[in-house]
Amino acid sequence: MFGRLLFFVSMLGTASSGVWAQLELHLETPKAAYLQYSPIPFTICLKNIGGEEIVLESPGGKPWLEMLVQSRDGLLIQSEKLFSPPDKKLKAGESAVLPVDLAAYFLVRETGGYQARASVRLPSGQTLLTEPLGFLVGRGEAIWTQTRGEGADRHVYSLLKFYEDPNVGLYLRVEVPEKNIVYPSRRLGPYLPLTKPVVEFDNQNHLHLLYQTAIGVHRMTVVSEDGRILREESRQEGTEKPRIRKEENGQVVIEGGSVILPSNLRERLSTLQARIGAVAPPGEKN
């Protein structure tokens, strides 16, 4: 689990009522570095540590919460669209969290260092501002690229590995150069770079990927033309390693290895087997 990066609030001006000084505000982000064009998740955490209810709302369309993003050299990053937070009522002792993807709202495109702050406008008109929380945007390393289609519909698919200390993540990026479109880089999961991913396109132009996530464990991921994940399946090596094969009709299938069920499905299977008096296979017990 990623450690939390916390920076607590500083107050601009003097509060006229003690209740406003009792709002605790801080930012969190799960990682210190993100791949270029990938989501950059931040969480705004609020807590009413006073004795009265605090109402946070946006009268006249001016948001009560804003995010400020700067490059390391102090340049303010332009926002692409307005972040409109929902109104919040915090009773005494109540907490709330608001997730936000900075990449969806700000032009954080270039590699390098950045810092973000959260600004909360109180009903009194005063402002609370967090200390800056820094993060990096990195380029990653392309390990596979392929072009599909021609002209305006030409798509460029790339697999990139990105070091996420202490592990390596595997990402998929899809671009449509003639339309100046770069879809968000999609994190496929952890990647064990002992072997190269195997790729295959089916007759619907869906991309099938088979790659190793751990010793003896492989994952099959199917994605659409715009990089959306359609299906995922993990398999454990047995007498044979998992492999993908394209059939004559254009369909792509996976063979070999044994399917690793997600924990929630294992729980359902164990419950069902208990009801009918069956014994769960050794590899599918909790």
Protein backbone atom coordinates (compact mmCIF):
# COMPACT_ATOMS: atom_id res chain seq x y z
CA MET A 1 0.00 0.00 0.00
CA PHE A 2 1.29 3.40 -0.89
CA GLY A 3 2.19 5.70 1.98
CA ARG A 4 0.21 8.90 2.37
CA LEU A 5 1.79 12.22 1.55
CA LEU A 6 0.24 14.82 3.82
CA PHE A 7 0.58 18.60 3.90
CA PHE A 8 -1.64 20.43 6.40
CA VAL A 9 -3.43 23.71 5.96
CA SER A 10 -2.14 27.23 6.31
CA MET A 11 -4.61 30.09 6.80
CA LEU A 12 -4.71 33.30 4.80
CA GLY A 13 -5.97 36.16 6.97
CA THR A 14 -7.49 35.97 10.42
CA ALA A 15 -10.70 34.04 11.00
CA SER A 16 -13.51 36.08 12.47
CA SER A 17 -15.06 33.03 14.07
CA GLY A 18 -13.27 30.16 15.73
CA VAL A 19 -15.35 27.62 13.87
CA TRP A 20 -13.65 28.43 10.56
CA ALA A 21 -10.25 27.86 12.12
CA GLN A 22 -11.49 24.38 12.99
CA LEU A 23 -11.58 23.11 9.42
CA GLU A 24 -8.68 20.75 8.76
CA LEU A 25 -7.65 20.50 5.11
CA HIS A 26 -4.93 18.49 3.42
CA LEU A 27 -3.96 16.81 0.14
CA GLU A 28 -2.97 13.22 -0.56
CA THR A 29 -1.59 11.43 -3.61
CA PRO A 30 -0.60 7.75 -3.73
CA LYS A 31 2.65 8.13 -5.69
CA ALA A 32 5.47 10.60 -6.10
CA ALA A 33 5.71 10.14 -9.89
CA TYR A 34 3.25 9.55 -12.75
CA LEU A 35 3.65 8.54 -16.37
CA GLN A 36 3.13 11.26 -18.96
CA TYR A 37 -0.52 11.38 -20.18
CA SER A 38 -1.68 9.06 -17.38
CA PRO A 39 -4.21 9.99 -14.65
CA ILE A 40 -2.77 11.97 -11.71
CA PRO A 41 -5.07 11.14 -8.77
CA PHE A 42 -5.25 13.52 -5.84
CA THR A 43 -7.56 13.45 -2.84
CA ILE A 44 -8.74 16.54 -0.95
CA CYS A 45 -9.43 15.64 2.68
CA LEU A 46 -11.57 17.83 4.92
CA LYS A 47 -12.47 17.45 8.58
CA ASN A 48 -14.59 19.60 10.85
CA ILE A 49 -12.67 19.60 14.13
CA GLY A 50 -14.90 22.31 15.62
CA GLY A 51 -18.19 22.17 17.45
CA GLU A 52 -20.56 23.59 14.80
CA GLU A 53 -21.68 22.56 11.32
CA ILE A 54 -19.69 23.97 8.38
CA VAL A 55 -21.47 24.53 5.06
CA LEU A 56 -19.31 24.67 1.92
CA GLU A 57 -21.13 25.72 -1.24
CA SER A 58 -20.66 27.62 -4.49
CA PRO A 59 -23.06 30.58 -4.66
CA GLY A 60 -23.06 32.39 -7.99
CA GLY A 61 -21.16 29.58 -9.65
CA LYS A 62 -17.83 30.37 -7.98
CA PRO A 63 -16.45 27.05 -6.68
CA TRP A 64 -15.80 26.82 -2.95
CA LEU A 65 -12.87 24.50 -3.74
CA GLU A 66 -10.16 25.10 -6.33
CA MET A 67 -6.96 23.30 -7.29
CA LEU A 68 -3.82 25.25 -8.16
CA VAL A 69 -1.05 23.56 -10.12
CA GLN A 70 2.39 25.01 -10.82
CA SER A 71 5.55 23.80 -12.48
CA ARG A 72 8.67 23.65 -10.34
CA ASP A 73 9.82 27.00 -11.74
CA GLY A 74 6.65 28.66 -10.44
CA LEU A 75 4.70 28.82 -13.72
CA LEU A 76 0.95 28.50 -13.10
CA ILE A 77 -0.50 25.66 -15.21
CA GLN A 78 -3.57 26.54 -17.25
CA SER A 79 -6.76 24.62 -16.48
CA GLU A 80 -8.60 22.93 -19.36
CA LYS A 81 -11.97 22.86 -17.65
CA LEU A 82 -13.54 24.09 -14.44
CA PHE A 83 -13.46 21.82 -11.42
CA SER A 84 -16.96 22.02 -9.90
CA PRO A 85 -17.03 20.35 -6.48
CA PRO A 86 -20.35 19.29 -4.95
CA ASP A 87 -21.65 21.25 -1.96
CA LYS A 88 -20.60 19.83 1.40
CA LYS A 89 -22.09 20.04 4.88
CA LEU A 90 -19.76 18.87 7.62
CA LYS A 91 -21.20 18.26 11.05
CA ALA A 92 -18.95 18.57 14.09
CA GLY A 93 -16.27 15.86 13.86
CA GLU A 94 -17.33 14.79 10.34
CA SER A 95 -14.84 14.16 7.55
CA ALA A 96 -15.16 14.15 3.76
CA VAL A 97 -12.89 13.29 0.85
CA LEU A 98 -13.04 14.53 -2.74
CA PRO A 99 -11.05 12.69 -5.44
CA VAL A 100 -9.78 14.63 -8.46
CA ASP A 101 -7.69 13.64 -11.47
CA LEU A 102 -5.40 16.60 -12.12
CA ALA A 103 -4.65 15.37 -15.64
CA ALA A 104 -8.34 15.72 -16.54
CA TYR A 105 -8.44 19.40 -15.53
CA PHE A 106 -4.95 20.80 -16.12
CA LEU A 107 -2.47 20.85 -19.01
CA VAL A 108 0.09 18.74 -17.18
CA ARG A 109 1.66 17.33 -20.33
CA GLU A 110 5.39 18.01 -20.17
CA THR A 111 7.78 15.88 -18.16
CA GLY A 112 9.27 17.40 -15.03
CA GLY A 113 8.33 18.49 -11.54
CA TYR A 114 5.03 20.04 -10.45
CA GLN A 115 3.28 21.02 -7.26
CA ALA A 116 -0.41 21.23 -6.40
CA ARG A 117 -2.36 23.08 -3.72
CA ALA A 118 -6.00 23.07 -2.66
CA SER A 119 -7.82 26.32 -1.91
CA VAL A 120 -11.08 26.38 0.06
CA ARG A 121 -13.28 29.47 0.20
CA LEU A 122 -15.21 29.63 3.48
CA PRO A 123 -18.71 31.15 3.91
CA SER A 124 -17.02 34.10 5.63
CA GLY A 125 -15.16 34.85 2.38
CA GLN A 126 -11.81 33.87 3.83
CA THR A 127 -9.58 31.29 2.17
CA LEU A 128 -7.74 28.22 3.41
CA LEU A 129 -4.76 27.10 1.36
CA THR A 130 -2.72 23.92 1.72
CA GLU A 131 1.03 23.74 1.53
CA PRO A 132 2.23 22.59 -1.93
CA LEU A 133 2.39 18.86 -2.59
CA GLY A 134 5.00 17.96 -5.21
CA PHE A 135 4.91 15.24 -7.87
CA LEU A 136 6.86 14.27 -10.98
CA VAL A 137 5.72 13.45 -14.53
CA GLY A 138 7.99 10.98 -16.32
CA ARG A 139 8.30 9.77 -19.90
CA GLY A 140 8.55 6.00 -19.40
CA GLU A 141 10.26 3.56 -21.77
CA ALA A 142 8.50 2.25 -24.88
CA ILE A 143 8.97 -1.51 -25.26
CA TRP A 144 6.55 -2.04 -28.19
CA THR A 145 4.88 0.18 -30.79
CA GLN A 146 2.59 -0.69 -33.69
CA THR A 147 0.56 1.37 -36.19
CA ARG A 148 -2.90 0.30 -37.34
CA GLY A 149 -5.03 1.91 -40.04
CA GLU A 150 -4.30 4.71 -42.48
CA GLY A 151 -5.01 8.40 -42.94
CA ALA A 152 -7.19 10.12 -40.36
CA ASP A 153 -7.96 6.79 -38.68
CA ARG A 154 -4.33 5.81 -38.15
CA HIS A 155 -3.83 4.60 -34.58
CA VAL A 156 -0.46 4.23 -32.87
CA TYR A 157 -0.37 1.71 -30.01
CA SER A 158 2.51 1.73 -27.54
CA LEU A 159 3.38 -0.31 -24.47
CA LEU A 160 5.53 1.52 -21.93
CA LYS A 161 7.17 0.41 -18.74
CA PHE A 162 7.40 2.95 -15.97
CA TYR A 163 9.44 2.56 -12.80
CA GLU A 164 7.26 2.95 -9.73
CA ASP A 165 9.76 2.43 -6.95
CA PRO A 166 10.22 -0.37 -6.06
CA ASN A 167 8.20 -1.96 -8.89
CA VAL A 168 7.62 -1.56 -12.63
CA GLY A 169 4.22 -0.75 -14.10
CA LEU A 170 3.05 -1.57 -17.63
CA TYR A 171 1.03 1.09 -19.48
CA LEU A 172 -0.79 1.25 -22.81
CA ARG A 173 -0.97 4.48 -24.80
CA VAL A 174 -3.14 4.97 -27.89
CA GLU A 175 -2.66 7.98 -30.18
CA VAL A 176 -4.44 9.21 -33.31
CA PRO A 177 -1.79 11.59 -34.74
CA GLU A 178 -3.81 13.07 -37.63
CA LYS A 179 -6.58 14.08 -35.17
CA ASN A 180 -4.11 15.26 -32.52
CA ILE A 181 -5.59 12.80 -30.01
CA VAL A 182 -3.66 11.12 -27.22
CA TYR A 183 -5.89 8.95 -25.06
CA PRO A 184 -4.99 8.73 -21.35
CA SER A 185 -2.18 6.25 -20.76
CA ARG A 186 -3.82 3.22 -19.17
CA ARG A 187 -2.01 1.38 -16.39
CA LEU A 188 -2.42 -2.34 -17.08
CA GLY A 189 -0.82 -3.48 -13.85
CA PRO A 190 2.52 -4.62 -12.45
CA TYR A 191 5.04 -5.91 -14.97
CA LEU A 192 7.85 -8.41 -14.56
CA PRO A 193 10.26 -7.51 -17.39
CA LEU A 194 11.75 -10.99 -17.80
CA THR A 195 9.92 -11.61 -21.08
CA LYS A 196 8.34 -9.28 -23.64
CA PRO A 197 4.55 -8.96 -23.80
CA VAL A 198 2.80 -10.92 -26.55
CA VAL A 199 0.34 -8.87 -28.62
CA GLU A 200 -2.39 -9.77 -31.11
CA PHE A 201 -5.28 -7.91 -32.76
CA ASP A 202 -8.60 -9.67 -33.33
CA ASN A 203 -11.15 -9.21 -36.12
CA GLN A 204 -12.81 -6.34 -34.20
CA ASN A 205 -9.48 -4.51 -33.94
CA HIS A 206 -9.32 -5.14 -30.20
CA LEU A 207 -5.82 -5.52 -28.82
CA HIS A 208 -5.04 -8.66 -26.81
CA LEU A 209 -2.01 -8.50 -24.51
CA LEU A 210 -0.36 -11.29 -22.56
CA TYR A 211 2.39 -10.29 -20.13
CA GLN A 212 4.03 -11.53 -16.95
CA THR A 213 3.08 -9.85 -13.67
CA ALA A 214 5.01 -12.10 -11.25
CA ILE A 215 6.98 -15.34 -11.21
CA GLY A 216 4.70 -17.92 -12.82
CA VAL A 217 1.77 -15.49 -13.18
CA HIS A 218 0.56 -14.02 -16.49
CA ARG A 219 -2.24 -11.57 -17.29
CA MET A 220 -4.39 -11.35 -20.39
CA THR A 221 -5.83 -7.89 -21.08
CA VAL A 222 -8.16 -6.95 -23.95
CA VAL A 223 -8.48 -3.26 -24.84
CA SER A 224 -10.51 -1.25 -27.34
CA GLU A 225 -9.27 1.13 -30.04
CA ASP A 226 -9.31 4.03 -27.58
CA GLY A 227 -7.43 2.12 -24.88
CA ARG A 228 -10.38 1.15 -22.67
CA ILE A 229 -9.96 -2.14 -20.84
CA LEU A 230 -12.61 -4.61 -22.00
CA ARG A 231 -11.52 -7.79 -20.20
CA GLU A 232 -8.78 -9.03 -17.88
CA GLU A 233 -7.78 -12.52 -16.81
CA SER A 234 -4.82 -13.81 -14.79
CA ARG A 235 -3.40 -17.32 -15.15
CA GLN A 236 -0.94 -19.38 -13.15
CA GLU A 237 1.65 -21.44 -14.97
CA GLY A 238 1.15 -25.20 -14.73
CA THR A 239 2.56 -27.86 -17.02
CA GLU A 240 2.23 -25.27 -19.79
CA LYS A 241 2.69 -21.52 -19.86
CA PRO A 242 -0.31 -19.38 -20.86
CA ARG A 243 -0.25 -18.33 -24.51
CA ILE A 244 -2.55 -16.54 -26.95
CA ARG A 245 -3.52 -17.80 -30.39
CA LYS A 246 -5.34 -16.15 -33.28
CA GLU A 247 -7.84 -18.41 -35.01
CA GLU A 248 -8.71 -18.43 -38.71
CA ASN A 249 -11.95 -16.51 -38.07
CA GLY A 250 -9.95 -13.67 -36.49
CA GLN A 251 -10.81 -14.39 -32.88
CA VAL A 252 -8.03 -14.48 -30.27
CA VAL A 253 -8.06 -17.11 -27.51
CA ILE A 254 -5.85 -17.83 -24.52
CA GLU A 255 -4.64 -21.33 -23.73
CA GLY A 256 -2.56 -23.00 -21.03
CA GLY A 257 -2.21 -22.38 -17.32
CA SER A 258 -5.01 -22.24 -14.75
CA VAL A 259 -7.30 -19.26 -14.24
CA ILE A 260 -6.73 -17.30 -11.02
CA LEU A 261 -10.10 -16.19 -9.71
CA PRO A 262 -10.43 -12.78 -8.03
CA SER A 263 -10.91 -13.01 -4.25
CA ASN A 264 -14.60 -12.03 -4.42
CA LEU A 265 -15.31 -14.83 -6.90
CA ARG A 266 -13.35 -17.32 -4.79
CA GLU A 267 -15.52 -16.39 -1.81
CA ARG A 268 -18.71 -16.95 -3.81
CA LEU A 269 -17.40 -20.27 -5.14
CA SER A 270 -16.44 -21.45 -1.65
CA THR A 271 -19.90 -20.52 -0.33
CA LEU A 272 -21.64 -22.35 -3.16
CA GLN A 273 -19.47 -25.44 -2.70
CA ALA A 274 -20.18 -25.44 1.02
CA ARG A 275 -23.92 -25.41 0.32
CA ILE A 276 -23.75 -28.40 -1.99
CA GLY A 277 -21.20 -30.26 0.09
CA ALA A 278 -18.39 -29.99 -2.44
CA VAL A 279 -14.75 -29.40 -1.61
CA ALA A 280 -13.04 -26.38 -3.13
CA PRO A 281 -9.92 -27.10 -5.20
CA PRO A 282 -6.71 -26.48 -3.23
CA GLY A 283 -5.82 -23.37 -5.22
CA GLU A 284 -9.23 -21.72 -4.73
CA LYS A 285 -9.57 -21.62 -0.96
CA ASN A 286 -9.23 -18.35 0.93
